[in-house]
Amino acid sequence: MTVSRILQTISISTVLGACASAPEPMLYVLDSAAPNNDKAASDILIGLNEVRLPSYARDQKITSLDGRNRVIKDGDHRWASPPEEAFTNKLAATLEDETGARVLVRPIPSGLSTDYNLTVSLDAMLRGQAGEAIVRGQYVIVGLEDSFHLDRFEFSIAPDSQDYDGFMRGVSVALENLCAQIDDELDHLAARSF
């Protein structure tokens, strides 16, 4: 066996060994909403469009800010499902719990009409330098008789721990705060329509 063949075999073995020993990435989900027994169930039906995320936050790698305000993606820490799906499902469940309304994620089945339609767009969704959850964007509620409301929101939730679990809990709290804000506005819109 020639020296070049031996070196080639060693190189291939080293590469394959490194690939085989690479740890699997950690996968994260958003916390489930805690039941809110304050709101009675209602007949209101809310149609929720899929939450829109900024392009840097759409893949499953969790995005963070580094010390120079650059967005970095962490291949070792990832969303367990596509982030837009995770945000939409968490928002729908929390909004149902917060409002007592039924929330359907679009597309709405034919023949069913909604009382309100909600669109949420995020222009920031990332882990800050101190591990905080930064969630910023806007929402639009279109209601009965073409009433509508547009508002912005911004949450920076300090982590209860410096790990990614603390960040995920912060994201869940930010979405719960957003649902409380939306619930208040739905109450105002309902009062105006009478």
N, C-alpha and C. Protein backbone atom coordinates (compact mmCIF):
# COMPACT_ATOMS: atom_id res chain seq x y z
N MET A 1 0.84 -1.16 0.00
CA MET A 1 0.00 0.00 0.00
C MET A 1 0.90 1.23 0.00
N THR A 2 0.56 2.20 -0.85
CA THR A 2 1.39 3.39 -0.97
C THR A 2 1.06 4.36 0.16
N VAL A 3 1.99 5.29 0.36
CA VAL A 3 1.81 6.31 1.40
C VAL A 3 0.57 7.16 1.12
N SER A 4 0.35 7.49 -0.14
CA SER A 4 -0.81 8.32 -0.48
C SER A 4 -2.11 7.58 -0.18
N ARG A 5 -2.14 6.26 -0.44
CA ARG A 5 -3.34 5.48 -0.16
C ARG A 5 -3.58 5.40 1.35
N ILE A 6 -2.52 5.27 2.13
CA ILE A 6 -2.64 5.22 3.59
C ILE A 6 -3.18 6.55 4.12
N LEU A 7 -2.64 7.65 3.61
CA LEU A 7 -3.12 8.97 4.04
C LEU A 7 -4.58 9.18 3.64
N GLN A 8 -4.95 8.70 2.49
CA GLN A 8 -6.33 8.81 2.03
C GLN A 8 -7.26 8.03 2.96
N THR A 9 -6.88 6.84 3.33
CA THR A 9 -7.67 6.00 4.22
C THR A 9 -7.82 6.65 5.59
N ILE A 10 -6.73 7.22 6.10
CA ILE A 10 -6.77 7.91 7.40
C ILE A 10 -7.69 9.13 7.33
N SER A 11 -7.59 9.88 6.26
CA SER A 11 -8.44 11.07 6.09
C SER A 11 -9.91 10.70 6.05
N ILE A 12 -10.25 9.71 5.28
CA ILE A 12 -11.65 9.27 5.18
C ILE A 12 -12.14 8.76 6.52
N SER A 13 -11.33 7.98 7.23
CA SER A 13 -11.72 7.46 8.54
C SER A 13 -11.94 8.60 9.54
N THR A 14 -11.09 9.62 9.49
CA THR A 14 -11.22 10.75 10.39
C THR A 14 -12.51 11.52 10.12
N VAL A 15 -12.80 11.78 8.85
CA VAL A 15 -14.01 12.51 8.49
C VAL A 15 -15.25 11.73 8.90
N LEU A 16 -15.29 10.44 8.58
CA LEU A 16 -16.44 9.61 8.95
C LEU A 16 -16.60 9.52 10.46
N GLY A 17 -15.50 9.41 11.17
CA GLY A 17 -15.55 9.36 12.63
C GLY A 17 -16.09 10.65 13.22
N ALA A 18 -15.70 11.78 12.66
CA ALA A 18 -16.18 13.08 13.15
C ALA A 18 -17.67 13.23 12.88
N CYS A 19 -18.13 12.78 11.72
CA CYS A 19 -19.55 12.88 11.37
C CYS A 19 -20.38 12.00 12.29
N ALA A 20 -19.89 10.82 12.57
CA ALA A 20 -20.64 9.88 13.40
C ALA A 20 -20.74 10.35 14.85
N SER A 21 -19.77 11.11 15.33
CA SER A 21 -19.77 11.51 16.73
C SER A 21 -20.35 12.90 16.96
N ALA A 22 -20.82 13.57 15.90
CA ALA A 22 -21.41 14.90 16.08
C ALA A 22 -22.71 14.76 16.86
N PRO A 23 -22.90 15.56 17.91
CA PRO A 23 -24.12 15.44 18.70
C PRO A 23 -25.34 15.93 17.91
N GLU A 24 -26.47 15.31 18.20
CA GLU A 24 -27.72 15.73 17.59
C GLU A 24 -28.08 17.12 18.14
N PRO A 25 -28.70 17.97 17.32
CA PRO A 25 -29.10 19.29 17.83
C PRO A 25 -30.22 19.15 18.86
N MET A 26 -30.28 20.10 19.79
CA MET A 26 -31.36 20.15 20.78
C MET A 26 -32.58 20.75 20.07
N LEU A 27 -33.75 20.14 20.27
CA LEU A 27 -34.99 20.63 19.66
C LEU A 27 -35.88 21.20 20.75
N TYR A 28 -36.54 22.33 20.43
CA TYR A 28 -37.35 23.04 21.42
C TYR A 28 -38.76 23.29 20.91
N VAL A 29 -39.72 23.25 21.84
CA VAL A 29 -41.11 23.60 21.55
C VAL A 29 -41.52 24.73 22.50
N LEU A 30 -42.57 25.44 22.13
CA LEU A 30 -43.10 26.49 23.00
C LEU A 30 -43.94 25.86 24.09
N ASP A 31 -43.91 26.46 25.29
CA ASP A 31 -44.72 25.98 26.40
C ASP A 31 -46.19 26.02 26.04
N SER A 32 -46.94 25.09 26.57
CA SER A 32 -48.39 25.11 26.39
C SER A 32 -48.98 26.22 27.25
N ALA A 33 -50.09 26.78 26.77
CA ALA A 33 -50.76 27.84 27.53
C ALA A 33 -51.39 27.24 28.78
N ALA A 34 -51.26 27.98 29.88
CA ALA A 34 -51.94 27.56 31.10
C ALA A 34 -53.41 27.94 30.97
N PRO A 35 -54.32 27.03 31.33
CA PRO A 35 -55.74 27.35 31.16
C PRO A 35 -56.13 28.60 31.93
N ASN A 36 -56.94 29.42 31.28
CA ASN A 36 -57.45 30.66 31.88
C ASN A 36 -58.94 30.45 32.10
N ASN A 37 -59.32 30.25 33.33
CA ASN A 37 -60.71 29.96 33.63
C ASN A 37 -61.55 31.22 33.84
N ASP A 38 -60.97 32.40 33.62
CA ASP A 38 -61.69 33.66 33.81
C ASP A 38 -62.69 33.93 32.69
N LYS A 39 -62.41 33.49 31.49
CA LYS A 39 -63.26 33.78 30.34
C LYS A 39 -64.21 32.63 30.08
N ALA A 40 -65.49 32.98 29.92
CA ALA A 40 -66.47 31.97 29.55
C ALA A 40 -66.38 31.72 28.05
N ALA A 41 -66.73 30.52 27.64
CA ALA A 41 -66.73 30.20 26.21
C ALA A 41 -67.74 31.09 25.51
N SER A 42 -67.41 31.51 24.31
CA SER A 42 -68.30 32.38 23.55
C SER A 42 -68.57 31.77 22.17
N ASP A 43 -69.50 32.37 21.46
CA ASP A 43 -69.82 31.93 20.11
C ASP A 43 -68.98 32.65 19.07
N ILE A 44 -68.06 33.48 19.50
CA ILE A 44 -67.23 34.25 18.57
C ILE A 44 -66.24 33.31 17.88
N LEU A 45 -66.06 33.53 16.59
CA LEU A 45 -65.13 32.74 15.80
C LEU A 45 -64.08 33.67 15.21
N ILE A 46 -62.83 33.40 15.50
CA ILE A 46 -61.71 34.21 15.01
C ILE A 46 -60.93 33.40 13.98
N GLY A 47 -60.73 33.97 12.81
CA GLY A 47 -59.89 33.35 11.80
C GLY A 47 -58.47 33.90 11.94
N LEU A 48 -57.50 33.03 12.10
CA LEU A 48 -56.11 33.43 12.29
C LEU A 48 -55.28 33.04 11.08
N ASN A 49 -54.68 34.01 10.45
CA ASN A 49 -53.74 33.73 9.37
C ASN A 49 -52.43 33.25 9.99
N GLU A 50 -51.66 32.46 9.22
CA GLU A 50 -50.37 32.00 9.73
C GLU A 50 -49.51 33.20 10.10
N VAL A 51 -48.88 33.13 11.27
CA VAL A 51 -48.00 34.20 11.74
C VAL A 51 -46.84 34.35 10.76
N ARG A 52 -46.56 35.58 10.38
CA ARG A 52 -45.43 35.85 9.46
C ARG A 52 -44.21 36.23 10.28
N LEU A 53 -43.11 35.57 9.97
CA LEU A 53 -41.84 35.83 10.65
C LEU A 53 -40.88 36.51 9.69
N PRO A 54 -39.90 37.25 10.22
CA PRO A 54 -38.87 37.80 9.34
C PRO A 54 -38.10 36.66 8.68
N SER A 55 -37.55 36.92 7.52
CA SER A 55 -36.91 35.85 6.75
C SER A 55 -35.79 35.15 7.53
N TYR A 56 -35.06 35.87 8.37
CA TYR A 56 -33.96 35.24 9.10
C TYR A 56 -34.46 34.25 10.15
N ALA A 57 -35.74 34.31 10.53
CA ALA A 57 -36.27 33.45 11.60
C ALA A 57 -37.13 32.32 11.07
N ARG A 58 -37.15 32.11 9.77
CA ARG A 58 -38.06 31.11 9.20
C ARG A 58 -37.51 29.69 9.19
N ASP A 59 -36.20 29.53 9.27
CA ASP A 59 -35.73 28.15 9.31
C ASP A 59 -35.67 27.68 10.76
N GLN A 60 -35.38 26.42 10.96
CA GLN A 60 -35.51 25.85 12.28
C GLN A 60 -34.35 26.16 13.22
N LYS A 61 -33.28 26.75 12.71
CA LYS A 61 -32.18 27.15 13.59
C LYS A 61 -32.61 28.39 14.38
N ILE A 62 -32.38 28.36 15.69
CA ILE A 62 -32.76 29.49 16.52
C ILE A 62 -31.81 30.65 16.25
N THR A 63 -32.38 31.84 16.08
CA THR A 63 -31.58 33.03 15.76
C THR A 63 -31.32 33.84 17.03
N SER A 64 -30.13 34.41 17.09
CA SER A 64 -29.71 35.22 18.24
C SER A 64 -28.95 36.45 17.75
N LEU A 65 -28.84 37.43 18.62
CA LEU A 65 -27.98 38.59 18.37
C LEU A 65 -26.64 38.35 19.02
N ASP A 66 -25.56 38.65 18.32
CA ASP A 66 -24.26 38.56 18.95
C ASP A 66 -23.90 39.92 19.55
N GLY A 67 -22.70 40.07 20.04
CA GLY A 67 -22.27 41.31 20.69
C GLY A 67 -22.19 42.51 19.78
N ARG A 68 -22.27 42.31 18.45
CA ARG A 68 -22.18 43.43 17.51
C ARG A 68 -23.48 43.61 16.72
N ASN A 69 -24.60 43.18 17.32
CA ASN A 69 -25.92 43.28 16.70
C ASN A 69 -26.01 42.57 15.36
N ARG A 70 -25.30 41.49 15.22
CA ARG A 70 -25.42 40.64 14.04
C ARG A 70 -26.33 39.46 14.40
N VAL A 71 -27.12 39.04 13.45
CA VAL A 71 -27.99 37.88 13.64
C VAL A 71 -27.18 36.63 13.32
N ILE A 72 -27.17 35.70 14.26
CA ILE A 72 -26.49 34.43 14.05
C ILE A 72 -27.49 33.29 14.22
N LYS A 73 -27.25 32.20 13.52
CA LYS A 73 -28.13 31.04 13.60
C LYS A 73 -27.38 29.92 14.30
N ASP A 74 -28.05 29.30 15.25
CA ASP A 74 -27.42 28.25 16.04
C ASP A 74 -27.86 26.88 15.54
N GLY A 75 -26.96 26.16 14.92
CA GLY A 75 -27.27 24.83 14.40
C GLY A 75 -27.45 23.79 15.48
N ASP A 76 -26.96 24.06 16.70
CA ASP A 76 -27.09 23.10 17.80
C ASP A 76 -28.41 23.23 18.54
N HIS A 77 -29.13 24.35 18.34
CA HIS A 77 -30.39 24.60 19.03
C HIS A 77 -31.43 24.99 17.98
N ARG A 78 -32.47 24.17 17.87
CA ARG A 78 -33.44 24.35 16.79
C ARG A 78 -34.87 24.22 17.29
N TRP A 79 -35.78 24.83 16.51
CA TRP A 79 -37.19 24.63 16.74
C TRP A 79 -37.52 23.19 16.37
N ALA A 80 -38.42 22.55 17.12
CA ALA A 80 -38.81 21.17 16.82
C ALA A 80 -39.71 21.10 15.59
N SER A 81 -40.41 22.19 15.30
CA SER A 81 -41.25 22.26 14.11
C SER A 81 -40.96 23.60 13.44
N PRO A 82 -41.43 23.81 12.21
CA PRO A 82 -41.17 25.10 11.56
C PRO A 82 -41.67 26.25 12.46
N PRO A 83 -40.86 27.29 12.64
CA PRO A 83 -41.22 28.37 13.57
C PRO A 83 -42.56 29.04 13.28
N GLU A 84 -42.90 29.25 12.02
CA GLU A 84 -44.18 29.89 11.71
C GLU A 84 -45.34 29.02 12.18
N GLU A 85 -45.20 27.72 12.02
CA GLU A 85 -46.22 26.78 12.49
C GLU A 85 -46.29 26.80 14.02
N ALA A 86 -45.14 26.78 14.68
CA ALA A 86 -45.10 26.79 16.14
C ALA A 86 -45.73 28.06 16.71
N PHE A 87 -45.40 29.21 16.13
CA PHE A 87 -45.96 30.47 16.59
C PHE A 87 -47.46 30.53 16.36
N THR A 88 -47.90 30.10 15.19
CA THR A 88 -49.32 30.14 14.85
C THR A 88 -50.12 29.25 15.80
N ASN A 89 -49.64 28.04 16.03
CA ASN A 89 -50.36 27.12 16.91
C ASN A 89 -50.39 27.62 18.35
N LYS A 90 -49.28 28.14 18.83
CA LYS A 90 -49.23 28.68 20.19
C LYS A 90 -50.16 29.89 20.31
N LEU A 91 -50.14 30.77 19.32
CA LEU A 91 -51.00 31.95 19.33
C LEU A 91 -52.48 31.53 19.32
N ALA A 92 -52.84 30.58 18.48
CA ALA A 92 -54.23 30.12 18.41
C ALA A 92 -54.70 29.54 19.74
N ALA A 93 -53.91 28.67 20.32
CA ALA A 93 -54.29 28.04 21.59
C ALA A 93 -54.39 29.06 22.72
N THR A 94 -53.42 29.97 22.79
CA THR A 94 -53.42 30.98 23.85
C THR A 94 -54.55 31.98 23.66
N LEU A 95 -54.81 32.35 22.41
CA LEU A 95 -55.90 33.30 22.13
C LEU A 95 -57.25 32.69 22.47
N GLU A 96 -57.44 31.41 22.16
CA GLU A 96 -58.68 30.73 22.54
C GLU A 96 -58.86 30.77 24.03
N ASP A 97 -57.80 30.48 24.74
CA ASP A 97 -57.85 30.44 26.19
C ASP A 97 -58.09 31.84 26.76
N GLU A 98 -57.45 32.84 26.20
CA GLU A 98 -57.53 34.21 26.69
C GLU A 98 -58.91 34.82 26.42
N THR A 99 -59.48 34.54 25.25
CA THR A 99 -60.72 35.21 24.83
C THR A 99 -61.98 34.40 25.07
N GLY A 100 -61.86 33.09 25.15
CA GLY A 100 -63.04 32.24 25.21
C GLY A 100 -63.63 31.97 23.84
N ALA A 101 -63.08 32.60 22.81
CA ALA A 101 -63.55 32.42 21.43
C ALA A 101 -62.96 31.15 20.83
N ARG A 102 -63.54 30.72 19.74
CA ARG A 102 -62.95 29.63 18.97
C ARG A 102 -62.02 30.27 17.94
N VAL A 103 -60.84 29.73 17.81
CA VAL A 103 -59.85 30.28 16.88
C VAL A 103 -59.52 29.20 15.85
N LEU A 104 -59.72 29.54 14.58
CA LEU A 104 -59.41 28.63 13.49
C LEU A 104 -58.25 29.19 12.69
N VAL A 105 -57.26 28.35 12.46
CA VAL A 105 -56.13 28.76 11.63
C VAL A 105 -56.55 28.59 10.18
N ARG A 106 -56.29 29.61 9.37
CA ARG A 106 -56.67 29.57 7.96
C ARG A 106 -55.91 28.46 7.24
N PRO A 107 -56.55 27.84 6.27
CA PRO A 107 -57.78 28.22 5.60
C PRO A 107 -59.01 27.78 6.40
N ILE A 108 -60.03 28.62 6.41
CA ILE A 108 -61.29 28.33 7.10
C ILE A 108 -62.12 27.43 6.19
N PRO A 109 -62.75 26.40 6.75
CA PRO A 109 -63.60 25.53 5.92
C PRO A 109 -64.69 26.32 5.21
N SER A 110 -65.02 25.92 4.00
CA SER A 110 -66.04 26.65 3.23
C SER A 110 -67.38 26.58 3.96
N GLY A 111 -68.16 27.65 3.81
CA GLY A 111 -69.45 27.75 4.46
C GLY A 111 -69.38 28.28 5.88
N LEU A 112 -68.20 28.49 6.40
CA LEU A 112 -68.03 28.99 7.76
C LEU A 112 -67.52 30.42 7.69
N SER A 113 -68.18 31.33 8.37
CA SER A 113 -67.70 32.72 8.36
C SER A 113 -67.22 33.09 9.76
N THR A 114 -66.25 33.96 9.79
CA THR A 114 -65.65 34.36 11.07
C THR A 114 -66.16 35.73 11.49
N ASP A 115 -66.13 35.97 12.79
CA ASP A 115 -66.50 37.28 13.32
C ASP A 115 -65.34 38.26 13.22
N TYR A 116 -64.13 37.74 13.37
CA TYR A 116 -62.92 38.56 13.29
C TYR A 116 -61.86 37.78 12.53
N ASN A 117 -61.02 38.50 11.82
CA ASN A 117 -59.87 37.91 11.15
C ASN A 117 -58.62 38.60 11.69
N LEU A 118 -57.64 37.82 12.04
CA LEU A 118 -56.44 38.32 12.69
C LEU A 118 -55.21 37.95 11.87
N THR A 119 -54.36 38.94 11.64
CA THR A 119 -53.07 38.74 10.99
C THR A 119 -51.99 39.29 11.91
N VAL A 120 -50.98 38.50 12.18
CA VAL A 120 -49.85 38.91 13.02
C VAL A 120 -48.58 38.78 12.19
N SER A 121 -47.81 39.85 12.13
CA SER A 121 -46.53 39.87 11.41
C SER A 121 -45.44 40.30 12.37
N LEU A 122 -44.40 39.50 12.46
CA LEU A 122 -43.27 39.84 13.33
C LEU A 122 -42.15 40.43 12.50
N ASP A 123 -41.54 41.51 12.99
CA ASP A 123 -40.35 42.02 12.32
C ASP A 123 -39.10 41.75 13.15
N ALA A 124 -39.27 41.19 14.34
CA ALA A 124 -38.14 40.72 15.15
C ALA A 124 -38.59 39.53 15.98
N MET A 125 -37.80 38.47 15.96
CA MET A 125 -38.06 37.29 16.77
C MET A 125 -36.72 36.60 16.94
N LEU A 126 -36.05 36.93 18.05
CA LEU A 126 -34.74 36.35 18.27
C LEU A 126 -34.35 36.38 19.73
N ARG A 127 -33.25 35.72 19.99
CA ARG A 127 -32.69 35.63 21.34
C ARG A 127 -31.67 36.76 21.46
N GLY A 128 -31.87 37.60 22.48
CA GLY A 128 -30.96 38.72 22.70
C GLY A 128 -29.64 38.28 23.30
N GLN A 129 -28.74 39.23 23.47
CA GLN A 129 -27.40 38.94 23.97
C GLN A 129 -27.40 38.37 25.38
N ALA A 130 -28.40 38.75 26.19
CA ALA A 130 -28.50 38.25 27.56
C ALA A 130 -29.44 37.05 27.66
N GLY A 131 -29.87 36.51 26.51
CA GLY A 131 -30.78 35.37 26.49
C GLY A 131 -32.25 35.74 26.48
N GLU A 132 -32.55 37.05 26.47
CA GLU A 132 -33.95 37.48 26.49
C GLU A 132 -34.65 37.18 25.17
N ALA A 133 -35.96 37.03 25.25
CA ALA A 133 -36.79 36.81 24.06
C ALA A 133 -37.22 38.17 23.53
N ILE A 134 -36.84 38.48 22.30
CA ILE A 134 -37.22 39.75 21.66
C ILE A 134 -38.26 39.42 20.60
N VAL A 135 -39.48 39.92 20.82
CA VAL A 135 -40.60 39.66 19.91
C VAL A 135 -41.25 41.01 19.62
N ARG A 136 -41.22 41.40 18.34
CA ARG A 136 -41.73 42.72 17.95
C ARG A 136 -42.44 42.61 16.62
N GLY A 137 -43.54 43.37 16.46
CA GLY A 137 -44.25 43.34 15.19
C GLY A 137 -45.53 44.12 15.23
N GLN A 138 -46.49 43.67 14.45
CA GLN A 138 -47.79 44.34 14.40
C GLN A 138 -48.88 43.30 14.17
N TYR A 139 -50.10 43.70 14.51
CA TYR A 139 -51.24 42.84 14.21
C TYR A 139 -52.38 43.69 13.67
N VAL A 140 -53.22 43.04 12.88
CA VAL A 140 -54.40 43.68 12.31
C VAL A 140 -55.59 42.79 12.63
N ILE A 141 -56.64 43.40 13.18
CA ILE A 141 -57.90 42.71 13.42
C ILE A 141 -58.93 43.33 12.49
N VAL A 142 -59.55 42.53 11.66
CA VAL A 142 -60.65 42.99 10.82
C VAL A 142 -61.89 42.31 11.36
N GLY A 143 -62.90 43.15 11.69
CA GLY A 143 -64.08 42.61 12.33
C GLY A 143 -65.35 42.84 11.56
N LEU A 144 -66.41 42.74 12.31
CA LEU A 144 -67.74 42.92 11.77
C LEU A 144 -67.89 44.29 11.13
N GLU A 145 -68.65 44.35 10.07
CA GLU A 145 -68.94 45.61 9.39
C GLU A 145 -67.66 46.37 9.03
N ASP A 146 -66.64 45.62 8.65
CA ASP A 146 -65.36 46.19 8.22
C ASP A 146 -64.66 47.03 9.27
N SER A 147 -65.01 46.85 10.55
CA SER A 147 -64.24 47.53 11.60
C SER A 147 -62.86 46.88 11.62
N PHE A 148 -61.86 47.66 11.94
CA PHE A 148 -60.52 47.08 12.01
C PHE A 148 -59.68 47.84 13.02
N HIS A 149 -58.63 47.19 13.42
CA HIS A 149 -57.67 47.79 14.35
C HIS A 149 -56.28 47.30 13.98
N LEU A 150 -55.35 48.23 13.91
CA LEU A 150 -53.94 47.94 13.64
C LEU A 150 -53.14 48.44 14.83
N ASP A 151 -52.26 47.61 15.33
CA ASP A 151 -51.44 48.04 16.47
C ASP A 151 -50.08 47.35 16.40
N ARG A 152 -49.11 47.96 17.04
CA ARG A 152 -47.76 47.40 17.13
C ARG A 152 -47.55 46.85 18.53
N PHE A 153 -46.61 45.96 18.66
CA PHE A 153 -46.25 45.40 19.96
C PHE A 153 -44.75 45.18 20.00
N GLU A 154 -44.23 45.20 21.19
CA GLU A 154 -42.80 44.93 21.39
C GLU A 154 -42.61 44.37 22.78
N PHE A 155 -42.03 43.19 22.85
CA PHE A 155 -41.77 42.54 24.13
C PHE A 155 -40.31 42.11 24.17
N SER A 156 -39.68 42.37 25.28
CA SER A 156 -38.34 41.87 25.55
C SER A 156 -38.43 41.20 26.92
N ILE A 157 -38.52 39.90 26.91
CA ILE A 157 -38.77 39.13 28.14
C ILE A 157 -37.46 38.55 28.64
N ALA A 158 -37.05 39.00 29.83
CA ALA A 158 -35.82 38.51 30.44
C ALA A 158 -35.95 37.02 30.74
N PRO A 159 -34.91 36.26 30.49
CA PRO A 159 -34.99 34.82 30.73
C PRO A 159 -34.94 34.51 32.22
N ASP A 160 -35.60 33.40 32.59
CA ASP A 160 -35.49 32.96 33.98
C ASP A 160 -34.25 32.07 34.16
N SER A 161 -33.58 31.76 33.05
CA SER A 161 -32.30 31.06 33.08
C SER A 161 -31.57 31.43 31.79
N GLN A 162 -30.27 31.27 31.76
CA GLN A 162 -29.48 31.70 30.60
C GLN A 162 -29.45 30.67 29.47
N ASP A 163 -30.08 29.54 29.67
CA ASP A 163 -30.07 28.52 28.62
C ASP A 163 -31.20 28.76 27.63
N TYR A 164 -31.28 27.91 26.63
CA TYR A 164 -32.32 28.07 25.61
C TYR A 164 -33.71 27.77 26.15
N ASP A 165 -33.81 26.97 27.20
CA ASP A 165 -35.12 26.73 27.82
C ASP A 165 -35.69 28.04 28.36
N GLY A 166 -34.84 28.86 28.96
CA GLY A 166 -35.28 30.17 29.46
C GLY A 166 -35.75 31.07 28.32
N PHE A 167 -35.06 31.01 27.20
CA PHE A 167 -35.48 31.78 26.02
C PHE A 167 -36.84 31.33 25.54
N MET A 168 -37.06 30.01 25.45
CA MET A 168 -38.35 29.49 24.99
C MET A 168 -39.48 29.90 25.93
N ARG A 169 -39.24 29.87 27.23
CA ARG A 169 -40.27 30.32 28.17
C ARG A 169 -40.54 31.81 27.96
N GLY A 170 -39.50 32.58 27.66
CA GLY A 170 -39.68 34.01 27.37
C GLY A 170 -40.52 34.25 26.13
N VAL A 171 -40.30 33.45 25.08
CA VAL A 171 -41.10 33.57 23.86
C VAL A 171 -42.56 33.26 24.18
N SER A 172 -42.80 32.22 24.97
CA SER A 172 -44.17 31.86 25.35
C SER A 172 -44.83 33.00 26.12
N VAL A 173 -44.11 33.62 27.04
CA VAL A 173 -44.66 34.75 27.81
C VAL A 173 -44.97 35.92 26.88
N ALA A 174 -44.09 36.20 25.92
CA ALA A 174 -44.32 37.29 24.96
C ALA A 174 -45.61 37.04 24.17
N LEU A 175 -45.82 35.80 23.72
CA LEU A 175 -47.03 35.49 22.97
C LEU A 175 -48.27 35.56 23.86
N GLU A 176 -48.15 35.18 25.12
CA GLU A 176 -49.27 35.32 26.05
C GLU A 176 -49.59 36.79 26.27
N ASN A 177 -48.57 37.64 26.40
CA ASN A 177 -48.80 39.08 26.54
C ASN A 177 -49.47 39.65 25.29
N LEU A 178 -49.05 39.19 24.12
CA LEU A 178 -49.67 39.63 22.87
C LEU A 178 -51.14 39.24 22.84
N CYS A 179 -51.46 38.02 23.26
CA CYS A 179 -52.86 37.58 23.27
C CYS A 179 -53.70 38.41 24.22
N ALA A 180 -53.14 38.81 25.36
CA ALA A 180 -53.88 39.67 26.29
C ALA A 180 -54.15 41.02 25.64
N GLN A 181 -53.17 41.56 24.91
CA GLN A 181 -53.34 42.83 24.20
C GLN A 181 -54.42 42.71 23.13
N ILE A 182 -54.40 41.63 22.38
CA ILE A 182 -55.41 41.40 21.33
C ILE A 182 -56.79 41.22 21.96
N ASP A 183 -56.87 40.50 23.07
CA ASP A 183 -58.15 40.30 23.76
C ASP A 183 -58.76 41.64 24.18
N ASP A 184 -57.93 42.53 24.73
CA ASP A 184 -58.42 43.86 25.11
C ASP A 184 -58.99 44.59 23.90
N GLU A 185 -58.30 44.50 22.78
CA GLU A 185 -58.78 45.20 21.58
C GLU A 185 -60.04 44.56 21.02
N LEU A 186 -60.16 43.25 21.10
CA LEU A 186 -61.39 42.59 20.68
C LEU A 186 -62.57 43.05 21.52
N ASP A 187 -62.35 43.23 22.83
CA ASP A 187 -63.41 43.77 23.70
C ASP A 187 -63.83 45.15 23.25
N HIS A 188 -62.87 46.02 22.90
CA HIS A 188 -63.17 47.38 22.42
C HIS A 188 -63.93 47.34 21.11
N LEU A 189 -63.50 46.48 20.18
CA LEU A 189 -64.19 46.37 18.90
C LEU A 189 -65.61 45.87 19.08
N ALA A 190 -65.83 44.91 19.96
CA ALA A 190 -67.16 44.38 20.21
C ALA A 190 -68.06 45.46 20.81
N ALA A 191 -67.51 46.26 21.73
CA ALA A 191 -68.29 47.34 22.35
C ALA A 191 -68.68 48.40 21.33
N ARG A 192 -67.79 48.69 20.37
CA ARG A 192 -68.09 49.68 19.34
C ARG A 192 -69.14 49.22 18.36
N SER A 193 -69.28 47.90 18.17
CA SER A 193 -70.22 47.41 17.16
C SER A 193 -71.66 47.38 17.67
N PHE A 194 -71.85 47.63 18.96
CA PHE A 194 -73.24 47.65 19.49
C PHE A 194 -73.77 49.05 19.60
